Amino acid sequence: MVNILQAIEQVKSHEGEEIAVIIWSGKDVRHQAKQRDMELSDEQVMDVISRIENKHDASLGVTWDTIDCYLDEL
């Protein structure tokens, strides 16, 4: 999992190139959890973000359904 400063450095390393950047944050995870009447600890939010980063399928991308699946696993 990267923090915002690390993400900025990664983007800078592609200066002059065309890139696509998609960001999912803890705020997104908390929003989706709230929609499902769930309250998460900071540790649980970090766990979901880590799963998003490390387990995503590039062929499918990351969607709200992806987050829902990881919330179900908590």
PDB file of N, CA and C in Angstrom:
ATOM      1  N   MET A   1       0.853  -1.160   0.000  1.00  0.00           N
ATOM      2  CA  MET A   1       0.000   0.000   0.000  1.00  0.00           C
ATOM      3  C   MET A   1       0.904   1.229   0.000  1.00  0.00           C
ATOM      4  N   VAL A   2       0.537   2.212  -0.782  1.00  0.00           N
ATOM      5  CA  VAL A   2       1.334   3.433  -0.852  1.00  0.00           C
ATOM      6  C   VAL A   2       0.566   4.590  -0.224  1.00  0.00           C
ATOM      7  N   ASN A   3       1.314   5.559   0.281  1.00  0.00           N
ATOM      8  CA  ASN A   3       0.663   6.777   0.747  1.00  0.00           C
ATOM      9  C   ASN A   3       0.674   7.785  -0.395  1.00  0.00           C
ATOM     10  N   ILE A   4       0.055   8.904  -0.193  1.00  0.00           N
ATOM     11  CA  ILE A   4      -0.109   9.889  -1.273  1.00  0.00           C
ATOM     12  C   ILE A   4       1.233  10.407  -1.790  1.00  0.00           C
ATOM     13  N   LEU A   5       2.202  10.601  -0.903  1.00  0.00           N
ATOM     14  CA  LEU A   5       3.506  11.090  -1.348  1.00  0.00           C
ATOM     15  C   LEU A   5       4.214  10.054  -2.219  1.00  0.00           C
ATOM     16  N   GLN A   6       4.092   8.783  -1.867  1.00  0.00           N
ATOM     17  CA  GLN A   6       4.679   7.724  -2.694  1.00  0.00           C
ATOM     18  C   GLN A   6       3.975   7.651  -4.049  1.00  0.00           C
ATOM     19  N   ALA A   7       2.672   7.818  -4.052  1.00  0.00           N
ATOM     20  CA  ALA A   7       1.916   7.791  -5.311  1.00  0.00           C
ATOM     21  C   ALA A   7       2.349   8.941  -6.216  1.00  0.00           C
ATOM     22  N   ILE A   8       2.567  10.113  -5.634  1.00  0.00           N
ATOM     23  CA  ILE A   8       3.019  11.273  -6.420  1.00  0.00           C
ATOM     24  C   ILE A   8       4.370  10.975  -7.052  1.00  0.00           C
ATOM     25  N   GLU A   9       5.267  10.366  -6.297  1.00  0.00           N
ATOM     26  CA  GLU A   9       6.584  10.013  -6.839  1.00  0.00           C
ATOM     27  C   GLU A   9       6.462   9.006  -7.977  1.00  0.00           C
ATOM     28  N   GLN A  10       5.554   8.048  -7.835  1.00  0.00           N
ATOM     29  CA  GLN A  10       5.344   7.070  -8.905  1.00  0.00           C
ATOM     30  C   GLN A  10       4.841   7.758 -10.170  1.00  0.00           C
ATOM     31  N   VAL A  11       3.922   8.694 -10.009  1.00  0.00           N
ATOM     32  CA  VAL A  11       3.393   9.426 -11.161  1.00  0.00           C
ATOM     33  C   VAL A  11       4.496  10.271 -11.793  1.00  0.00           C
ATOM     34  N   LYS A  12       5.289  10.939 -10.971  1.00  0.00           N
ATOM     35  CA  LYS A  12       6.381  11.763 -11.491  1.00  0.00           C
ATOM     36  C   LYS A  12       7.370  10.936 -12.307  1.00  0.00           C
ATOM     37  N   SER A  13       7.546   9.674 -11.941  1.00  0.00           N
ATOM     38  CA  SER A  13       8.500   8.831 -12.660  1.00  0.00           C
ATOM     39  C   SER A  13       8.061   8.565 -14.097  1.00  0.00           C
ATOM     40  N   HIS A  14       6.829   8.893 -14.427  1.00  0.00           N
ATOM     41  CA  HIS A  14       6.299   8.708 -15.779  1.00  0.00           C
ATOM     42  C   HIS A  14       6.140  10.039 -16.511  1.00  0.00           C
ATOM     43  N   GLU A  15       6.877  11.047 -16.063  1.00  0.00           N
ATOM     44  CA  GLU A  15       6.777  12.372 -16.664  1.00  0.00           C
ATOM     45  C   GLU A  15       6.963  12.295 -18.171  1.00  0.00           C
ATOM     46  N   GLY A  16       6.060  12.937 -18.893  1.00  0.00           N
ATOM     47  CA  GLY A  16       6.116  12.942 -20.347  1.00  0.00           C
ATOM     48  C   GLY A  16       5.357  11.795 -20.997  1.00  0.00           C
ATOM     49  N   GLU A  17       4.950  10.816 -20.201  1.00  0.00           N
ATOM     50  CA  GLU A  17       4.193   9.684 -20.719  1.00  0.00           C
ATOM     51  C   GLU A  17       2.705   9.904 -20.473  1.00  0.00           C
ATOM     52  N   GLU A  18       1.896   9.259 -21.281  1.00  0.00           N
ATOM     53  CA  GLU A  18       0.463   9.242 -21.032  1.00  0.00           C
ATOM     54  C   GLU A  18       0.194   8.134 -20.022  1.00  0.00           C
ATOM     55  N   ILE A  19      -0.552   8.442 -18.978  1.00  0.00           N
ATOM     56  CA  ILE A  19      -0.860   7.430 -17.960  1.00  0.00           C
ATOM     57  C   ILE A  19      -2.323   7.564 -17.539  1.00  0.00           C
ATOM     58  N   ALA A  20      -2.827   6.527 -16.939  1.00  0.00           N
ATOM     59  CA  ALA A  20      -4.148   6.553 -16.313  1.00  0.00           C
ATOM     60  C   ALA A  20      -3.927   6.285 -14.831  1.00  0.00           C
ATOM     61  N   VAL A  21      -4.577   7.072 -13.997  1.00  0.00           N
ATOM     62  CA  VAL A  21      -4.427   6.917 -12.552  1.00  0.00           C
ATOM     63  C   VAL A  21      -5.813   6.770 -11.945  1.00  0.00           C
ATOM     64  N   ILE A  22      -6.012   5.686 -11.234  1.00  0.00           N
ATOM     65  CA  ILE A  22      -7.266   5.430 -10.536  1.00  0.00           C
ATOM     66  C   ILE A  22      -6.929   5.331  -9.052  1.00  0.00           C
ATOM     67  N   ILE A  23      -7.631   6.059  -8.224  1.00  0.00           N
ATOM     68  CA  ILE A  23      -7.332   6.057  -6.793  1.00  0.00           C
ATOM     69  C   ILE A  23      -8.563   5.627  -6.002  1.00  0.00           C
ATOM     70  N   TRP A  24      -8.374   4.643  -5.148  1.00  0.00           N
ATOM     71  CA  TRP A  24      -9.376   4.233  -4.167  1.00  0.00           C
ATOM     72  C   TRP A  24      -8.769   4.517  -2.801  1.00  0.00           C
ATOM     73  N   SER A  25      -9.522   5.165  -1.947  1.00  0.00           N
ATOM     74  CA  SER A  25      -8.983   5.560  -0.643  1.00  0.00           C
ATOM     75  C   SER A  25      -9.790   4.951   0.498  1.00  0.00           C
ATOM     76  N   GLY A  26      -9.257   5.134   1.687  1.00  0.00           N
ATOM     77  CA  GLY A  26      -9.972   4.709   2.878  1.00  0.00           C
ATOM     78  C   GLY A  26     -11.326   5.390   2.985  1.00  0.00           C
ATOM     79  N   LYS A  27     -11.415   6.608   2.490  1.00  0.00           N
ATOM     80  CA  LYS A  27     -12.692   7.333   2.490  1.00  0.00           C
ATOM     81  C   LYS A  27     -13.723   6.580   1.644  1.00  0.00           C
ATOM     82  N   ASP A  28     -13.290   6.039   0.523  1.00  0.00           N
ATOM     83  CA  ASP A  28     -14.191   5.249  -0.329  1.00  0.00           C
ATOM     84  C   ASP A  28     -14.652   3.989   0.388  1.00  0.00           C
ATOM     85  N   VAL A  29     -13.716   3.320   1.063  1.00  0.00           N
ATOM     86  CA  VAL A  29     -14.051   2.095   1.791  1.00  0.00           C
ATOM     87  C   VAL A  29     -15.058   2.410   2.897  1.00  0.00           C
ATOM     88  N   ARG A  30     -14.807   3.476   3.649  1.00  0.00           N
ATOM     89  CA  ARG A  30     -15.737   3.856   4.724  1.00  0.00           C
ATOM     90  C   ARG A  30     -17.119   4.213   4.161  1.00  0.00           C
ATOM     91  N   HIS A  31     -17.145   4.893   3.009  1.00  0.00           N
ATOM     92  CA  HIS A  31     -18.413   5.250   2.370  1.00  0.00           C
ATOM     93  C   HIS A  31     -19.214   3.996   2.039  1.00  0.00           C
ATOM     94  N   GLN A  32     -18.538   3.022   1.424  1.00  0.00           N
ATOM     95  CA  GLN A  32     -19.232   1.800   1.032  1.00  0.00           C
ATOM     96  C   GLN A  32     -19.686   1.014   2.255  1.00  0.00           C
ATOM     97  N   ALA A  33     -18.856   0.985   3.273  1.00  0.00           N
ATOM     98  CA  ALA A  33     -19.237   0.304   4.516  1.00  0.00           C
ATOM     99  C   ALA A  33     -20.472   0.977   5.124  1.00  0.00           C
ATOM    100  N   LYS A  34     -20.487   2.302   5.117  1.00  0.00           N
ATOM    101  CA  LYS A  34     -21.639   3.041   5.668  1.00  0.00           C
ATOM    102  C   LYS A  34     -22.914   2.706   4.897  1.00  0.00           C
ATOM    103  N   GLN A  35     -22.805   2.561   3.579  1.00  0.00           N
ATOM    104  CA  GLN A  35     -23.960   2.199   2.760  1.00  0.00           C
ATOM    105  C   GLN A  35     -24.522   0.839   3.173  1.00  0.00           C
ATOM    106  N   ARG A  36     -23.654   0.028   3.775  1.00  0.00           N
ATOM    107  CA  ARG A  36     -24.045  -1.322   4.194  1.00  0.00           C
ATOM    108  C   ARG A  36     -24.255  -1.395   5.712  1.00  0.00           C
ATOM    109  N   ASP A  37     -24.377  -0.225   6.337  1.00  0.00           N
ATOM    110  CA  ASP A  37     -24.562  -0.139   7.794  1.00  0.00           C
ATOM    111  C   ASP A  37     -23.448  -0.822   8.570  1.00  0.00           C
ATOM    112  N   MET A  38     -22.222  -0.645   8.094  1.00  0.00           N
ATOM    113  CA  MET A  38     -21.045  -1.194   8.767  1.00  0.00           C
ATOM    114  C   MET A  38     -20.193  -0.034   9.263  1.00  0.00           C
ATOM    115  N   GLU A  39     -19.617  -0.199  10.428  1.00  0.00           N
ATOM    116  CA  GLU A  39     -18.652   0.761  10.941  1.00  0.00           C
ATOM    117  C   GLU A  39     -17.327   0.036  11.066  1.00  0.00           C
ATOM    118  N   LEU A  40     -16.284   0.611  10.468  1.00  0.00           N
ATOM    119  CA  LEU A  40     -14.993  -0.060  10.412  1.00  0.00           C
ATOM    120  C   LEU A  40     -13.959   0.632  11.286  1.00  0.00           C
ATOM    121  N   SER A  41     -13.060  -0.155  11.836  1.00  0.00           N
ATOM    122  CA  SER A  41     -11.905   0.401  12.533  1.00  0.00           C
ATOM    123  C   SER A  41     -10.892   0.856  11.477  1.00  0.00           C
ATOM    124  N   ASP A  42      -9.933   1.652  11.901  1.00  0.00           N
ATOM    125  CA  ASP A  42      -8.871   2.070  10.985  1.00  0.00           C
ATOM    126  C   ASP A  42      -8.126   0.844  10.444  1.00  0.00           C
ATOM    127  N   GLU A  43      -7.929  -0.148  11.298  1.00  0.00           N
ATOM    128  CA  GLU A  43      -7.233  -1.372  10.885  1.00  0.00           C
ATOM    129  C   GLU A  43      -8.012  -2.109   9.800  1.00  0.00           C
ATOM    130  N   GLN A  44      -9.321  -2.177   9.928  1.00  0.00           N
ATOM    131  CA  GLN A  44     -10.145  -2.852   8.924  1.00  0.00           C
ATOM    132  C   GLN A  44     -10.103  -2.096   7.589  1.00  0.00           C
ATOM    133  N   VAL A  45     -10.129  -0.778   7.655  1.00  0.00           N
ATOM    134  CA  VAL A  45     -10.042   0.025   6.426  1.00  0.00           C
ATOM    135  C   VAL A  45      -8.710  -0.246   5.729  1.00  0.00           C
ATOM    136  N   MET A  46      -7.621  -0.261   6.511  1.00  0.00           N
ATOM    137  CA  MET A  46      -6.301  -0.533   5.935  1.00  0.00           C
ATOM    138  C   MET A  46      -6.252  -1.939   5.332  1.00  0.00           C
ATOM    139  N   ASP A  47      -6.914  -2.888   5.966  1.00  0.00           N
ATOM    140  CA  ASP A  47      -6.962  -4.254   5.458  1.00  0.00           C
ATOM    141  C   ASP A  47      -7.654  -4.295   4.098  1.00  0.00           C
ATOM    142  N   VAL A  48      -8.787  -3.619   3.961  1.00  0.00           N
ATOM    143  CA  VAL A  48      -9.511  -3.596   2.689  1.00  0.00           C
ATOM    144  C   VAL A  48      -8.669  -2.907   1.612  1.00  0.00           C
ATOM    145  N   ILE A  49      -8.062  -1.768   1.937  1.00  0.00           N
ATOM    146  CA  ILE A  49      -7.222  -1.059   0.959  1.00  0.00           C
ATOM    147  C   ILE A  49      -6.064  -1.954   0.519  1.00  0.00           C
ATOM    148  N   SER A  50      -5.465  -2.655   1.459  1.00  0.00           N
ATOM    149  CA  SER A  50      -4.362  -3.556   1.132  1.00  0.00           C
ATOM    150  C   SER A  50      -4.826  -4.668   0.192  1.00  0.00           C
ATOM    151  N   ARG A  51      -5.999  -5.219   0.455  1.00  0.00           N
ATOM    152  CA  ARG A  51      -6.533  -6.260  -0.429  1.00  0.00           C
ATOM    153  C   ARG A  51      -6.812  -5.708  -1.822  1.00  0.00           C
ATOM    154  N   ILE A  52      -7.357  -4.502  -1.890  1.00  0.00           N
ATOM    155  CA  ILE A  52      -7.625  -3.871  -3.194  1.00  0.00           C
ATOM    156  C   ILE A  52      -6.325  -3.781  -3.995  1.00  0.00           C
ATOM    157  N   GLU A  53      -5.280  -3.334  -3.335  1.00  0.00           N
ATOM    158  CA  GLU A  53      -4.011  -3.147  -4.030  1.00  0.00           C
ATOM    159  C   GLU A  53      -3.359  -4.469  -4.415  1.00  0.00           C
ATOM    160  N   ASN A  54      -3.376  -5.418  -3.512  1.00  0.00           N
ATOM    161  CA  ASN A  54      -2.600  -6.646  -3.717  1.00  0.00           C
ATOM    162  C   ASN A  54      -3.342  -7.776  -4.404  1.00  0.00           C
ATOM    163  N   LYS A  55      -4.667  -7.737  -4.405  1.00  0.00           N
ATOM    164  CA  LYS A  55      -5.418  -8.859  -4.951  1.00  0.00           C
ATOM    165  C   LYS A  55      -6.269  -8.512  -6.173  1.00  0.00           C
ATOM    166  N   HIS A  56      -6.203  -7.276  -6.636  1.00  0.00           N
ATOM    167  CA  HIS A  56      -7.082  -6.919  -7.746  1.00  0.00           C
ATOM    168  C   HIS A  56      -6.694  -7.651  -9.025  1.00  0.00           C
ATOM    169  N   ASP A  57      -7.681  -7.880  -9.857  1.00  0.00           N
ATOM    170  CA  ASP A  57      -7.487  -8.513 -11.153  1.00  0.00           C
ATOM    171  C   ASP A  57      -7.500  -7.405 -12.202  1.00  0.00           C
ATOM    172  N   ALA A  58      -6.376  -7.170 -12.827  1.00  0.00           N
ATOM    173  CA  ALA A  58      -6.270  -6.078 -13.796  1.00  0.00           C
ATOM    174  C   ALA A  58      -7.228  -6.247 -14.972  1.00  0.00           C
ATOM    175  N   SER A  59      -7.667  -7.462 -15.221  1.00  0.00           N
ATOM    176  CA  SER A  59      -8.634  -7.698 -16.297  1.00  0.00           C
ATOM    177  C   SER A  59     -10.022  -7.202 -15.923  1.00  0.00           C
ATOM    178  N   LEU A  60     -10.301  -7.167 -14.632  1.00  0.00           N
ATOM    179  CA  LEU A  60     -11.626  -6.762 -14.153  1.00  0.00           C
ATOM    180  C   LEU A  60     -11.646  -5.377 -13.535  1.00  0.00           C
ATOM    181  N   GLY A  61     -10.508  -4.904 -13.057  1.00  0.00           N
ATOM    182  CA  GLY A  61     -10.447  -3.612 -12.397  1.00  0.00           C
ATOM    183  C   GLY A  61     -10.967  -3.691 -10.970  1.00  0.00           C
ATOM    184  N   VAL A  62     -11.128  -2.535 -10.361  1.00  0.00           N
ATOM    185  CA  VAL A  62     -11.668  -2.435  -9.006  1.00  0.00           C
ATOM    186  C   VAL A  62     -12.979  -1.663  -9.093  1.00  0.00           C
ATOM    187  N   THR A  63     -14.018  -2.220  -8.492  1.00  0.00           N
ATOM    188  CA  THR A  63     -15.336  -1.591  -8.502  1.00  0.00           C
ATOM    189  C   THR A  63     -15.886  -1.564  -7.085  1.00  0.00           C
ATOM    190  N   TRP A  64     -17.056  -0.963  -6.931  1.00  0.00           N
ATOM    191  CA  TRP A  64     -17.727  -0.998  -5.629  1.00  0.00           C
ATOM    192  C   TRP A  64     -18.002  -2.444  -5.227  1.00  0.00           C
ATOM    193  N   ASP A  65     -18.279  -3.294  -6.209  1.00  0.00           N
ATOM    194  CA  ASP A  65     -18.496  -4.719  -5.913  1.00  0.00           C
ATOM    195  C   ASP A  65     -17.239  -5.361  -5.329  1.00  0.00           C
ATOM    196  N   THR A  66     -16.078  -4.942  -5.816  1.00  0.00           N
ATOM    197  CA  THR A  66     -14.817  -5.445  -5.277  1.00  0.00           C
ATOM    198  C   THR A  66     -14.718  -5.107  -3.796  1.00  0.00           C
ATOM    199  N   ILE A  67     -15.005  -3.859  -3.472  1.00  0.00           N
ATOM    200  CA  ILE A  67     -14.951  -3.424  -2.076  1.00  0.00           C
ATOM    201  C   ILE A  67     -15.979  -4.190  -1.254  1.00  0.00           C
ATOM    202  N   ASP A  68     -17.166  -4.388  -1.813  1.00  0.00           N
ATOM    203  CA  ASP A  68     -18.194  -5.162  -1.097  1.00  0.00           C
ATOM    204  C   ASP A  68     -17.699  -6.567  -0.766  1.00  0.00           C
ATOM    205  N   CYS A  69     -17.017  -7.201  -1.696  1.00  0.00           N
ATOM    206  CA  CYS A  69     -16.504  -8.556  -1.454  1.00  0.00           C
ATOM    207  C   CYS A  69     -15.517  -8.555  -0.291  1.00  0.00           C
ATOM    208  N   TYR A  70     -14.628  -7.559  -0.267  1.00  0.00           N
ATOM    209  CA  TYR A  70     -13.657  -7.498   0.815  1.00  0.00           C
ATOM    210  C   TYR A  70     -14.320  -7.140   2.138  1.00  0.00           C
ATOM    211  N   LEU A  71     -15.362  -6.327   2.085  1.00  0.00           N
ATOM    212  CA  LEU A  71     -16.115  -6.029   3.314  1.00  0.00           C
ATOM    213  C   LEU A  71     -16.791  -7.295   3.829  1.00  0.00           C
ATOM    214  N   ASP A  72     -17.315  -8.113   2.914  1.00  0.00           N
ATOM    215  CA  ASP A  72     -17.939  -9.370   3.318  1.00  0.00           C
ATOM    216  C   ASP A  72     -16.953 -10.297   4.016  1.00  0.00           C
ATOM    217  N   GLU A  73     -15.688 -10.223   3.620  1.00  0.00           N
ATOM    218  CA  GLU A  73     -14.658 -11.085   4.208  1.00  0.00           C
ATOM    219  C   GLU A  73     -14.238 -10.669   5.611  1.00  0.00           C
ATOM    220  N   LEU A  74     -14.563  -9.435   5.993  1.00  0.00           N
ATOM    221  CA  LEU A  74     -14.140  -8.954   7.328  1.00  0.00           C
ATOM    222  C   LEU A  74     -14.840  -9.713   8.441  1.00  0.00           C
TER     223      LEU A  74
END
